[in-house]
N, C-alpha and C. Protein backbone atom coordinates (compact mmCIF):
# COMPACT_ATOMS: atom_id res chain seq x y z
N UNK A 1 -11.28 -26.11 24.30
CA UNK A 1 -10.10 -26.86 23.67
C UNK A 1 -11.05 -27.61 22.40
N UNK A 2 -9.76 -27.60 21.44
CA UNK A 2 -10.21 -28.32 20.18
C UNK A 2 -10.19 -29.50 20.21
N UNK A 3 -9.63 -30.37 20.94
CA UNK A 3 -9.71 -31.89 21.12
C UNK A 3 -8.79 -32.52 21.77
N UNK A 4 -8.68 -33.54 22.33
CA UNK A 4 -7.86 -34.39 23.10
C UNK A 4 -6.37 -34.35 22.92
N UNK A 5 -5.64 -34.27 23.91
CA UNK A 5 -4.22 -34.07 23.41
C UNK A 5 -3.47 -35.40 23.28
N UNK A 6 -2.18 -35.40 22.83
CA UNK A 6 -2.00 -36.74 22.67
C UNK A 6 -0.40 -36.24 22.48
N UNK A 7 0.68 -37.28 23.33
CA UNK A 7 2.08 -37.00 23.58
C UNK A 7 2.62 -38.20 22.81
N UNK A 8 4.11 -37.73 22.25
CA UNK A 8 4.66 -38.58 21.29
C UNK A 8 5.44 -39.31 22.32
N UNK A 9 5.52 -40.73 21.77
CA UNK A 9 6.11 -42.08 22.94
C UNK A 9 7.74 -41.35 22.62
N UNK A 10 8.47 -40.65 22.15
CA UNK A 10 10.04 -40.66 22.03
C UNK A 10 10.02 -39.25 22.02
N UNK A 11 9.47 -38.03 22.08
CA UNK A 11 9.77 -37.14 22.33
C UNK A 11 9.16 -36.10 23.18
N UNK A 12 8.25 -36.76 23.68
CA UNK A 12 7.14 -36.20 25.01
C UNK A 12 6.69 -34.78 24.59
N UNK A 13 6.57 -34.38 23.29
CA UNK A 13 6.10 -33.05 22.83
C UNK A 13 4.73 -33.64 22.56
N UNK A 14 3.60 -32.92 23.14
CA UNK A 14 2.35 -32.87 23.26
C UNK A 14 1.71 -32.04 22.01
N UNK A 15 0.56 -32.81 21.32
CA UNK A 15 0.11 -32.11 20.40
C UNK A 15 -1.53 -32.31 20.22
N UNK A 16 -2.64 -31.16 19.92
CA UNK A 16 -3.67 -31.53 19.91
C UNK A 16 -4.43 -32.30 18.73
N UNK A 17 -5.03 -33.44 18.89
CA UNK A 17 -5.67 -34.36 17.91
C UNK A 17 -7.08 -33.29 17.43
N UNK A 18 -6.96 -33.29 15.92
CA UNK A 18 -8.06 -32.38 15.37
C UNK A 18 -9.03 -33.34 14.51
N UNK A 19 -10.39 -32.94 14.66
CA UNK A 19 -11.25 -33.93 14.50
C UNK A 19 -11.31 -34.11 12.71
N UNK A 20 -10.45 -32.99 11.80
CA UNK A 20 -10.58 -33.43 10.32
C UNK A 20 -9.13 -33.49 10.06
N UNK A 21 -8.50 -34.21 10.82
CA UNK A 21 -6.87 -34.79 10.69
C UNK A 21 -6.00 -33.67 11.08
N UNK A 22 -4.89 -34.28 10.68
CA UNK A 22 -3.60 -33.32 11.03
C UNK A 22 -3.56 -32.14 10.13
N UNK A 23 -2.92 -30.89 10.66
CA UNK A 23 -2.92 -29.71 10.11
C UNK A 23 -1.97 -29.64 9.12
N UNK A 24 -2.68 -29.04 7.95
CA UNK A 24 -1.46 -29.07 6.68
C UNK A 24 -0.15 -28.33 6.85
N UNK A 25 0.61 -28.69 6.36
CA UNK A 25 1.99 -28.26 6.29
C UNK A 25 2.47 -28.09 7.73
N UNK A 26 2.12 -28.95 8.49
CA UNK A 26 2.64 -28.98 10.20
C UNK A 26 4.39 -29.54 9.91
N UNK A 27 5.03 -29.03 10.52
CA UNK A 27 6.26 -29.63 10.52
C UNK A 27 6.45 -30.69 11.39
N UNK A 28 7.40 -31.50 11.45
CA UNK A 28 7.67 -33.11 12.31
C UNK A 28 7.91 -32.39 13.51
N UNK A 29 7.67 -32.94 14.40
CA UNK A 29 8.16 -32.97 15.66
C UNK A 29 9.42 -32.95 16.22
N UNK A 30 10.29 -33.34 15.51
CA UNK A 30 11.43 -33.57 15.86
C UNK A 30 12.61 -33.39 14.52
N UNK A 31 13.48 -32.72 14.70
CA UNK A 31 14.13 -32.39 13.32
C UNK A 31 14.76 -33.32 12.53
N UNK A 32 14.22 -33.22 11.02
CA UNK A 32 14.58 -34.12 10.22
C UNK A 32 15.22 -33.42 8.90
N UNK A 33 15.92 -34.28 8.51
CA UNK A 33 16.81 -33.54 7.46
C UNK A 33 16.08 -33.92 6.04
N UNK A 34 15.17 -34.88 5.91
CA UNK A 34 14.22 -34.93 4.66
C UNK A 34 13.09 -34.08 4.48
N UNK A 35 13.01 -33.11 5.82
CA UNK A 35 11.69 -32.63 5.60
C UNK A 35 11.94 -31.20 4.85
N UNK A 36 11.13 -30.65 4.08
CA UNK A 36 11.49 -29.57 3.36
C UNK A 36 10.79 -28.37 3.88
N UNK A 37 11.45 -27.31 4.57
CA UNK A 37 10.76 -26.34 5.47
C UNK A 37 10.45 -25.33 4.43
N UNK A 38 10.47 -25.21 3.10
CA UNK A 38 9.84 -24.40 2.31
C UNK A 38 8.55 -24.87 1.68
N UNK A 39 7.56 -24.45 2.29
CA UNK A 39 6.07 -25.12 2.17
C UNK A 39 5.14 -24.47 1.24
N UNK A 40 6.10 -23.12 0.73
CA UNK A 40 5.32 -22.67 -0.29
C UNK A 40 4.55 -21.34 0.45
N UNK A 41 3.02 -20.94 -0.24
CA UNK A 41 2.48 -20.22 0.38
C UNK A 41 1.70 -20.57 1.67
N UNK A 42 1.72 -19.99 2.76
CA UNK A 42 0.95 -20.54 3.81
C UNK A 42 -0.14 -20.34 3.91
N UNK A 43 -0.89 -21.31 4.52
CA UNK A 43 -2.05 -22.01 4.36
C UNK A 43 -3.04 -20.79 4.66
N UNK A 44 -2.76 -19.91 5.70
CA UNK A 44 -4.01 -18.78 5.63
C UNK A 44 -3.84 -17.67 4.51
N UNK A 45 -3.11 -17.67 3.51
CA UNK A 45 -3.07 -17.21 2.44
C UNK A 45 -3.90 -17.97 1.36
N UNK A 46 -4.10 -19.10 1.35
CA UNK A 46 -4.70 -19.94 0.52
C UNK A 46 -6.20 -19.79 0.22
N UNK A 47 -6.65 -19.51 -0.99
CA UNK A 47 -7.96 -18.92 -1.21
C UNK A 47 -8.93 -20.15 -0.97
N UNK A 48 -8.37 -21.48 -1.18
CA UNK A 48 -9.39 -22.57 -0.58
C UNK A 48 -9.94 -22.33 0.37
N UNK A 49 -9.27 -21.90 1.45
CA UNK A 49 -9.82 -21.89 3.15
C UNK A 49 -10.40 -20.70 3.36
N UNK A 50 -10.57 -19.73 2.37
CA UNK A 50 -11.18 -18.62 2.64
C UNK A 50 -12.97 -18.79 2.92
N UNK A 51 -13.44 -18.59 4.13
CA UNK A 51 -15.02 -18.77 3.98
C UNK A 51 -15.63 -17.70 3.99
N UNK A 52 -15.11 -16.51 4.00
CA UNK A 52 -15.70 -15.00 3.37
C UNK A 52 -14.85 -14.00 4.25
N UNK A 53 -15.39 -12.77 4.09
CA UNK A 53 -14.69 -11.49 3.99
C UNK A 53 -14.97 -10.82 5.13
N UNK A 54 -13.89 -10.13 5.99
CA UNK A 54 -14.03 -9.64 6.97
C UNK A 54 -14.56 -8.02 6.69
N UNK A 55 -15.90 -7.60 7.56
CA UNK A 55 -16.42 -6.45 7.21
C UNK A 55 -15.82 -5.25 7.66
N UNK A 56 -15.74 -4.14 7.07
CA UNK A 56 -15.30 -2.89 7.94
C UNK A 56 -15.84 -2.68 9.21
N UNK A 57 -17.32 -3.00 9.07
CA UNK A 57 -17.88 -2.25 10.06
C UNK A 57 -19.16 -3.05 10.17
N UNK A 58 -19.94 -3.47 11.42
CA UNK A 58 -21.27 -3.98 11.48
C UNK A 58 -21.88 -3.04 11.94
N UNK A 59 -23.39 -2.99 12.12
CA UNK A 59 -24.28 -1.87 12.33
C UNK A 59 -25.67 -2.56 12.51
N UNK A 60 -26.44 -2.13 13.60
CA UNK A 60 -27.62 -2.72 13.86
C UNK A 60 -28.89 -1.91 12.76
N UNK A 61 -29.75 -2.38 12.44
CA UNK A 61 -30.86 -1.63 11.93
C UNK A 61 -32.34 -2.50 12.28
N UNK A 62 -33.22 -1.81 12.47
CA UNK A 62 -34.70 -2.40 12.88
C UNK A 62 -35.38 -2.46 11.46
N UNK A 63 -36.06 -3.38 11.00
CA UNK A 63 -36.70 -3.38 9.96
C UNK A 63 -38.21 -3.76 10.36
N UNK A 64 -39.00 -2.54 10.08
CA UNK A 64 -40.29 -2.51 10.53
C UNK A 64 -41.47 -2.82 9.67
N UNK A 65 -42.25 -3.93 9.92
CA UNK A 65 -43.19 -4.41 9.13
C UNK A 65 -44.43 -3.12 9.48
N UNK A 66 -44.77 -2.12 8.47
CA UNK A 66 -45.71 -1.28 8.56
C UNK A 66 -47.06 -1.97 8.71
N UNK A 67 -47.35 -3.10 8.00
CA UNK A 67 -48.68 -3.70 8.07
C UNK A 67 -49.07 -4.45 9.13
N UNK A 68 -47.93 -5.14 9.69
CA UNK A 68 -48.28 -5.72 11.03
C UNK A 68 -47.73 -5.23 12.03
N UNK A 69 -46.58 -4.10 12.12
CA UNK A 69 -46.16 -3.40 13.21
C UNK A 69 -45.22 -4.52 13.71
N UNK A 70 -44.80 -5.37 13.41
CA UNK A 70 -43.68 -6.11 13.65
C UNK A 70 -42.41 -5.63 13.28
N UNK A 71 -41.29 -5.55 14.51
CA UNK A 71 -40.10 -5.26 14.24
C UNK A 71 -39.01 -6.43 14.45
N UNK A 72 -38.11 -5.99 13.60
CA UNK A 72 -37.09 -7.20 13.68
C UNK A 72 -35.77 -6.54 13.70
N UNK A 73 -34.49 -6.76 14.80
CA UNK A 73 -33.43 -6.22 14.72
C UNK A 73 -32.26 -6.93 14.00
N UNK A 74 -31.68 -6.39 13.14
CA UNK A 74 -30.68 -7.08 12.23
C UNK A 74 -29.30 -6.20 12.54
N UNK A 75 -28.08 -7.32 12.45
CA UNK A 75 -27.07 -6.74 12.62
C UNK A 75 -26.47 -7.10 11.01
N UNK A 76 -26.09 -5.83 10.49
CA UNK A 76 -25.61 -5.99 9.35
C UNK A 76 -24.48 -5.47 8.81
N UNK A 77 -23.98 -5.69 7.69
CA UNK A 77 -22.50 -5.55 7.68
C UNK A 77 -22.53 -3.99 6.57
N UNK A 78 -21.34 -3.05 6.63
CA UNK A 78 -21.55 -2.03 5.96
C UNK A 78 -21.56 -2.23 4.29
N UNK A 79 -21.12 -3.34 4.06
CA UNK A 79 -20.59 -3.91 2.99
C UNK A 79 -22.00 -4.22 2.08
N UNK A 80 -23.04 -4.51 2.76
CA UNK A 80 -24.27 -5.45 2.51
C UNK A 80 -25.33 -4.77 1.59
N UNK A 81 -25.48 -4.81 0.34
CA UNK A 81 -26.63 -4.53 -0.28
C UNK A 81 -28.14 -4.55 0.38
N UNK A 82 -29.00 -3.83 0.38
CA UNK A 82 -30.19 -4.05 0.79
C UNK A 82 -30.84 -5.06 0.11
N UNK A 83 -30.55 -5.71 -0.94
CA UNK A 83 -30.91 -7.10 -1.51
C UNK A 83 -30.29 -8.35 -0.48
N UNK A 84 -29.24 -8.04 -0.21
CA UNK A 84 -28.48 -9.10 0.67
C UNK A 84 -29.03 -9.17 2.23
N UNK A 85 -29.47 -7.89 2.60
CA UNK A 85 -30.00 -7.96 3.99
C UNK A 85 -31.62 -8.52 3.64
N UNK A 86 -32.48 -8.23 2.55
CA UNK A 86 -33.50 -8.76 2.25
C UNK A 86 -33.53 -10.47 2.16
N UNK A 87 -32.32 -10.87 1.85
CA UNK A 87 -32.50 -12.23 1.71
C UNK A 87 -32.07 -13.04 3.19
N UNK A 88 -31.35 -12.18 4.35
CA UNK A 88 -31.55 -12.47 5.26
C UNK A 88 -32.58 -12.24 6.23
N UNK A 89 -33.60 -11.33 5.64
CA UNK A 89 -34.73 -11.00 6.46
C UNK A 89 -35.88 -11.95 5.84
N UNK A 90 -35.69 -12.67 4.85
CA UNK A 90 -36.73 -13.68 4.57
C UNK A 90 -37.35 -14.78 5.68
N UNK A 91 -36.56 -15.00 6.39
CA UNK A 91 -36.51 -15.88 7.26
C UNK A 91 -37.62 -15.53 8.70
N UNK A 92 -37.85 -14.08 8.35
CA UNK A 92 -38.77 -13.39 9.40
C UNK A 92 -40.14 -13.52 8.88
N UNK A 93 -39.97 -12.95 7.18
CA UNK A 93 -40.95 -12.84 6.77
C UNK A 93 -40.96 -13.14 5.19
N UNK A 94 -41.40 -14.18 4.97
CA UNK A 94 -41.32 -14.63 3.59
C UNK A 94 -41.88 -13.75 2.41
N UNK A 95 -42.70 -13.19 2.57
CA UNK A 95 -43.27 -12.34 1.68
C UNK A 95 -42.59 -10.99 1.40
N UNK A 96 -41.58 -10.77 2.11
CA UNK A 96 -40.78 -9.63 2.21
C UNK A 96 -40.36 -8.91 0.81
N UNK A 97 -40.44 -9.76 -0.10
CA UNK A 97 -40.23 -9.16 -1.58
C UNK A 97 -41.29 -8.58 -2.27
N UNK A 98 -42.61 -8.44 -1.53
CA UNK A 98 -43.52 -7.79 -1.97
C UNK A 98 -43.87 -6.60 -1.34
N UNK A 99 -42.79 -6.17 -0.85
CA UNK A 99 -42.76 -4.62 0.25
C UNK A 99 -41.96 -3.62 -0.48
N UNK A 100 -42.12 -2.44 -0.39
CA UNK A 100 -41.10 -1.33 -0.88
C UNK A 100 -40.43 -0.74 0.51
N UNK A 101 -39.26 -1.09 0.63
CA UNK A 101 -38.56 -0.87 1.40
C UNK A 101 -37.81 0.82 1.56
N UNK A 102 -38.27 1.52 2.63
CA UNK A 102 -38.23 2.92 2.66
C UNK A 102 -37.66 3.32 3.97
N UNK A 103 -36.45 4.53 3.84
CA UNK A 103 -36.15 5.14 4.95
C UNK A 103 -36.13 6.81 4.75
N UNK A 104 -36.78 7.54 5.96
CA UNK A 104 -37.11 8.64 5.60
C UNK A 104 -37.75 9.35 4.69
N UNK A 105 -38.86 8.50 4.26
CA UNK A 105 -40.02 8.64 3.14
C UNK A 105 -39.45 8.32 1.60
N UNK A 106 -38.28 7.82 1.55
CA UNK A 106 -37.62 7.42 0.23
C UNK A 106 -37.46 5.86 -0.01
N UNK A 107 -37.89 5.62 -0.98
CA UNK A 107 -37.81 4.01 -1.47
C UNK A 107 -36.19 3.77 -1.46
N UNK A 108 -35.72 2.74 -1.27
CA UNK A 108 -34.31 2.60 -1.27
C UNK A 108 -34.26 1.52 -2.47
N UNK A 109 -33.06 1.79 -2.64
CA UNK A 109 -32.44 1.07 -3.95
C UNK A 109 -31.92 -0.22 -3.53
N UNK A 110 -32.68 -1.66 -3.52
CA UNK A 110 -32.07 -2.49 -3.10
C UNK A 110 -30.61 -2.66 -3.65
N UNK A 111 -30.47 -2.67 -4.89
CA UNK A 111 -28.67 -2.73 -5.31
C UNK A 111 -27.72 -1.93 -4.48
N UNK A 112 -28.14 -0.88 -3.65
CA UNK A 112 -26.82 -0.32 -2.95
C UNK A 112 -27.28 -0.77 -1.47
N UNK A 113 -25.76 -0.49 -0.77
CA UNK A 113 -25.93 -0.44 0.61
C UNK A 113 -26.83 0.71 1.36
N UNK A 114 -26.56 0.36 2.59
CA UNK A 114 -27.38 1.68 3.93
C UNK A 114 -26.61 2.77 3.50
N UNK A 115 -25.38 3.08 3.36
CA UNK A 115 -24.85 4.46 3.38
C UNK A 115 -24.97 4.90 2.16
N UNK A 116 -25.00 4.13 0.80
CA UNK A 116 -25.18 4.54 -0.55
C UNK A 116 -26.76 5.00 -0.58
N UNK A 117 -27.75 4.56 0.11
CA UNK A 117 -29.02 4.68 0.45
C UNK A 117 -29.53 6.00 1.08
N UNK A 118 -28.24 6.60 1.91
CA UNK A 118 -28.09 7.58 2.79
C UNK A 118 -28.98 7.38 4.05
N UNK A 119 -28.84 6.24 4.34
CA UNK A 119 -29.26 5.52 5.56
C UNK A 119 -27.82 5.71 6.82
N UNK A 120 -28.24 7.12 7.63
CA UNK A 120 -26.91 7.42 8.64
C UNK A 120 -26.59 6.18 9.48
N UNK A 121 -25.53 6.18 9.62
CA UNK A 121 -24.63 5.25 10.56
C UNK A 121 -23.98 6.12 11.73
N UNK A 122 -24.71 6.34 12.81
CA UNK A 122 -24.60 7.65 13.82
C UNK A 122 -23.73 6.91 14.88
N UNK A 123 -23.12 5.70 14.53
CA UNK A 123 -22.55 5.11 16.25
C UNK A 123 -21.80 5.97 16.72
N UNK A 124 -20.62 6.30 15.63
CA UNK A 124 -19.64 7.01 16.56
C UNK A 124 -19.85 8.36 17.00
N UNK A 125 -20.78 9.00 16.49
CA UNK A 125 -21.48 10.08 17.35
C UNK A 125 -22.07 9.89 18.33
N UNK A 126 -22.92 8.71 18.30
CA UNK A 126 -23.63 8.64 19.62
C UNK A 126 -22.66 7.94 20.57
N UNK A 127 -21.31 7.18 20.32
CA UNK A 127 -20.50 6.97 21.41
C UNK A 127 -19.88 7.97 21.87
N UNK A 128 -19.62 8.97 21.22
CA UNK A 128 -18.87 10.15 21.86
C UNK A 128 -19.91 11.05 22.44
N UNK A 129 -21.07 10.90 22.08
CA UNK A 129 -22.17 12.06 23.43
C UNK A 129 -22.38 11.17 24.21
N UNK A 130 -21.83 9.69 24.41
CA UNK A 130 -22.66 8.57 25.54
C UNK A 130 -23.96 8.09 25.45
N UNK A 131 -24.58 8.35 24.22
CA UNK A 131 -25.65 8.05 24.05
C UNK A 131 -26.27 6.34 23.68
N UNK A 132 -26.89 5.75 24.41
CA UNK A 132 -27.47 4.52 23.98
C UNK A 132 -27.48 4.31 22.43
N UNK A 133 -27.14 3.26 21.84
CA UNK A 133 -27.03 3.07 20.49
C UNK A 133 -28.32 2.64 20.33
N UNK A 134 -28.69 1.71 21.25
CA UNK A 134 -29.88 1.00 21.00
C UNK A 134 -31.51 1.90 20.91
N UNK A 135 -31.29 3.00 21.34
CA UNK A 135 -32.25 3.93 21.24
C UNK A 135 -32.47 4.71 20.22
N UNK A 136 -31.24 4.59 19.31
CA UNK A 136 -31.22 5.30 17.99
C UNK A 136 -30.88 4.80 16.79
N UNK A 137 -31.37 3.32 16.68
CA UNK A 137 -31.18 2.39 15.80
C UNK A 137 -32.05 2.70 14.33
N UNK A 138 -31.09 3.01 13.35
CA UNK A 138 -32.22 3.38 12.19
C UNK A 138 -33.05 2.51 11.80
N UNK A 139 -34.23 2.92 11.50
CA UNK A 139 -35.50 1.84 11.27
C UNK A 139 -35.33 1.98 9.39
N UNK A 140 -35.77 0.75 8.93
CA UNK A 140 -36.33 0.62 7.50
C UNK A 140 -37.65 0.23 7.69
N UNK A 141 -38.38 0.85 6.93
CA UNK A 141 -39.74 0.60 6.94
C UNK A 141 -40.57 0.02 5.77
N UNK A 142 -41.01 -1.10 6.19
CA UNK A 142 -41.51 -1.92 5.14
C UNK A 142 -43.40 -1.42 4.62
N UNK A 143 -43.08 -1.45 3.24
CA UNK A 143 -44.53 -1.01 3.04
C UNK A 143 -45.14 -2.01 2.04
N UNK A 144 -46.19 -2.53 2.47
CA UNK A 144 -46.89 -3.69 1.49
C UNK A 144 -47.39 -3.22 0.54
N UNK A 145 -46.91 -3.90 -0.86
CA UNK A 145 -47.33 -3.54 -2.27
C UNK A 145 -48.53 -4.65 -2.64
N UNK A 146 -49.67 -4.31 -2.75
CA UNK A 146 -50.68 -4.94 -3.27
C UNK A 146 -50.68 -5.34 -4.80
N UNK A 147 -49.35 -6.33 -5.12
CA UNK A 147 -49.04 -6.54 -6.14
C UNK A 147 -49.51 -8.12 -6.62
N UNK A 148 -50.20 -8.72 -5.75
CA UNK A 148 -50.88 -9.80 -6.04
C UNK A 148 -49.67 -11.03 -6.34
N UNK A 149 -48.19 -11.04 -5.94
CA UNK A 149 -47.19 -11.62 -6.26
C UNK A 149 -47.44 -13.22 -5.73
N UNK A 150 -47.78 -13.00 -4.49
CA UNK A 150 -47.86 -14.10 -3.56
C UNK A 150 -49.64 -14.73 -3.82
N UNK A 151 -50.12 -15.79 -3.95
CA UNK A 151 -51.30 -16.05 -4.08
C UNK A 151 -51.87 -16.79 -2.85
């Protein structure tokens, strides 16, 4: 539940009390001649209330540190670039910028997405074959660069 309910003293209509206050452009509980029903653009189309974009598809990857053999599974959006994935991966390895990211032996372009880097998304085929996706999660291998960027 979003919050406690309160019922009006005259109309017996109940409404939920919201912690941030009344909902924007909420009509009155009873008919009123002084309320303009033309509220303009609905709130759900107002860009001020946007918190992000909906992804076309999410997928799982494994990020494997070849120096330490540590592996981290990450769920990523198909639109995310590897640079954006790197930003989220920094919580697991703060030195991740000192690594070359590779898949299939090829260095990955960090300004591109996984599909643009030819990292396959086989979820659809695996589902058709009724195979466990977790057993076929693509691995991104991190190879340490001894570049002395971290003291």
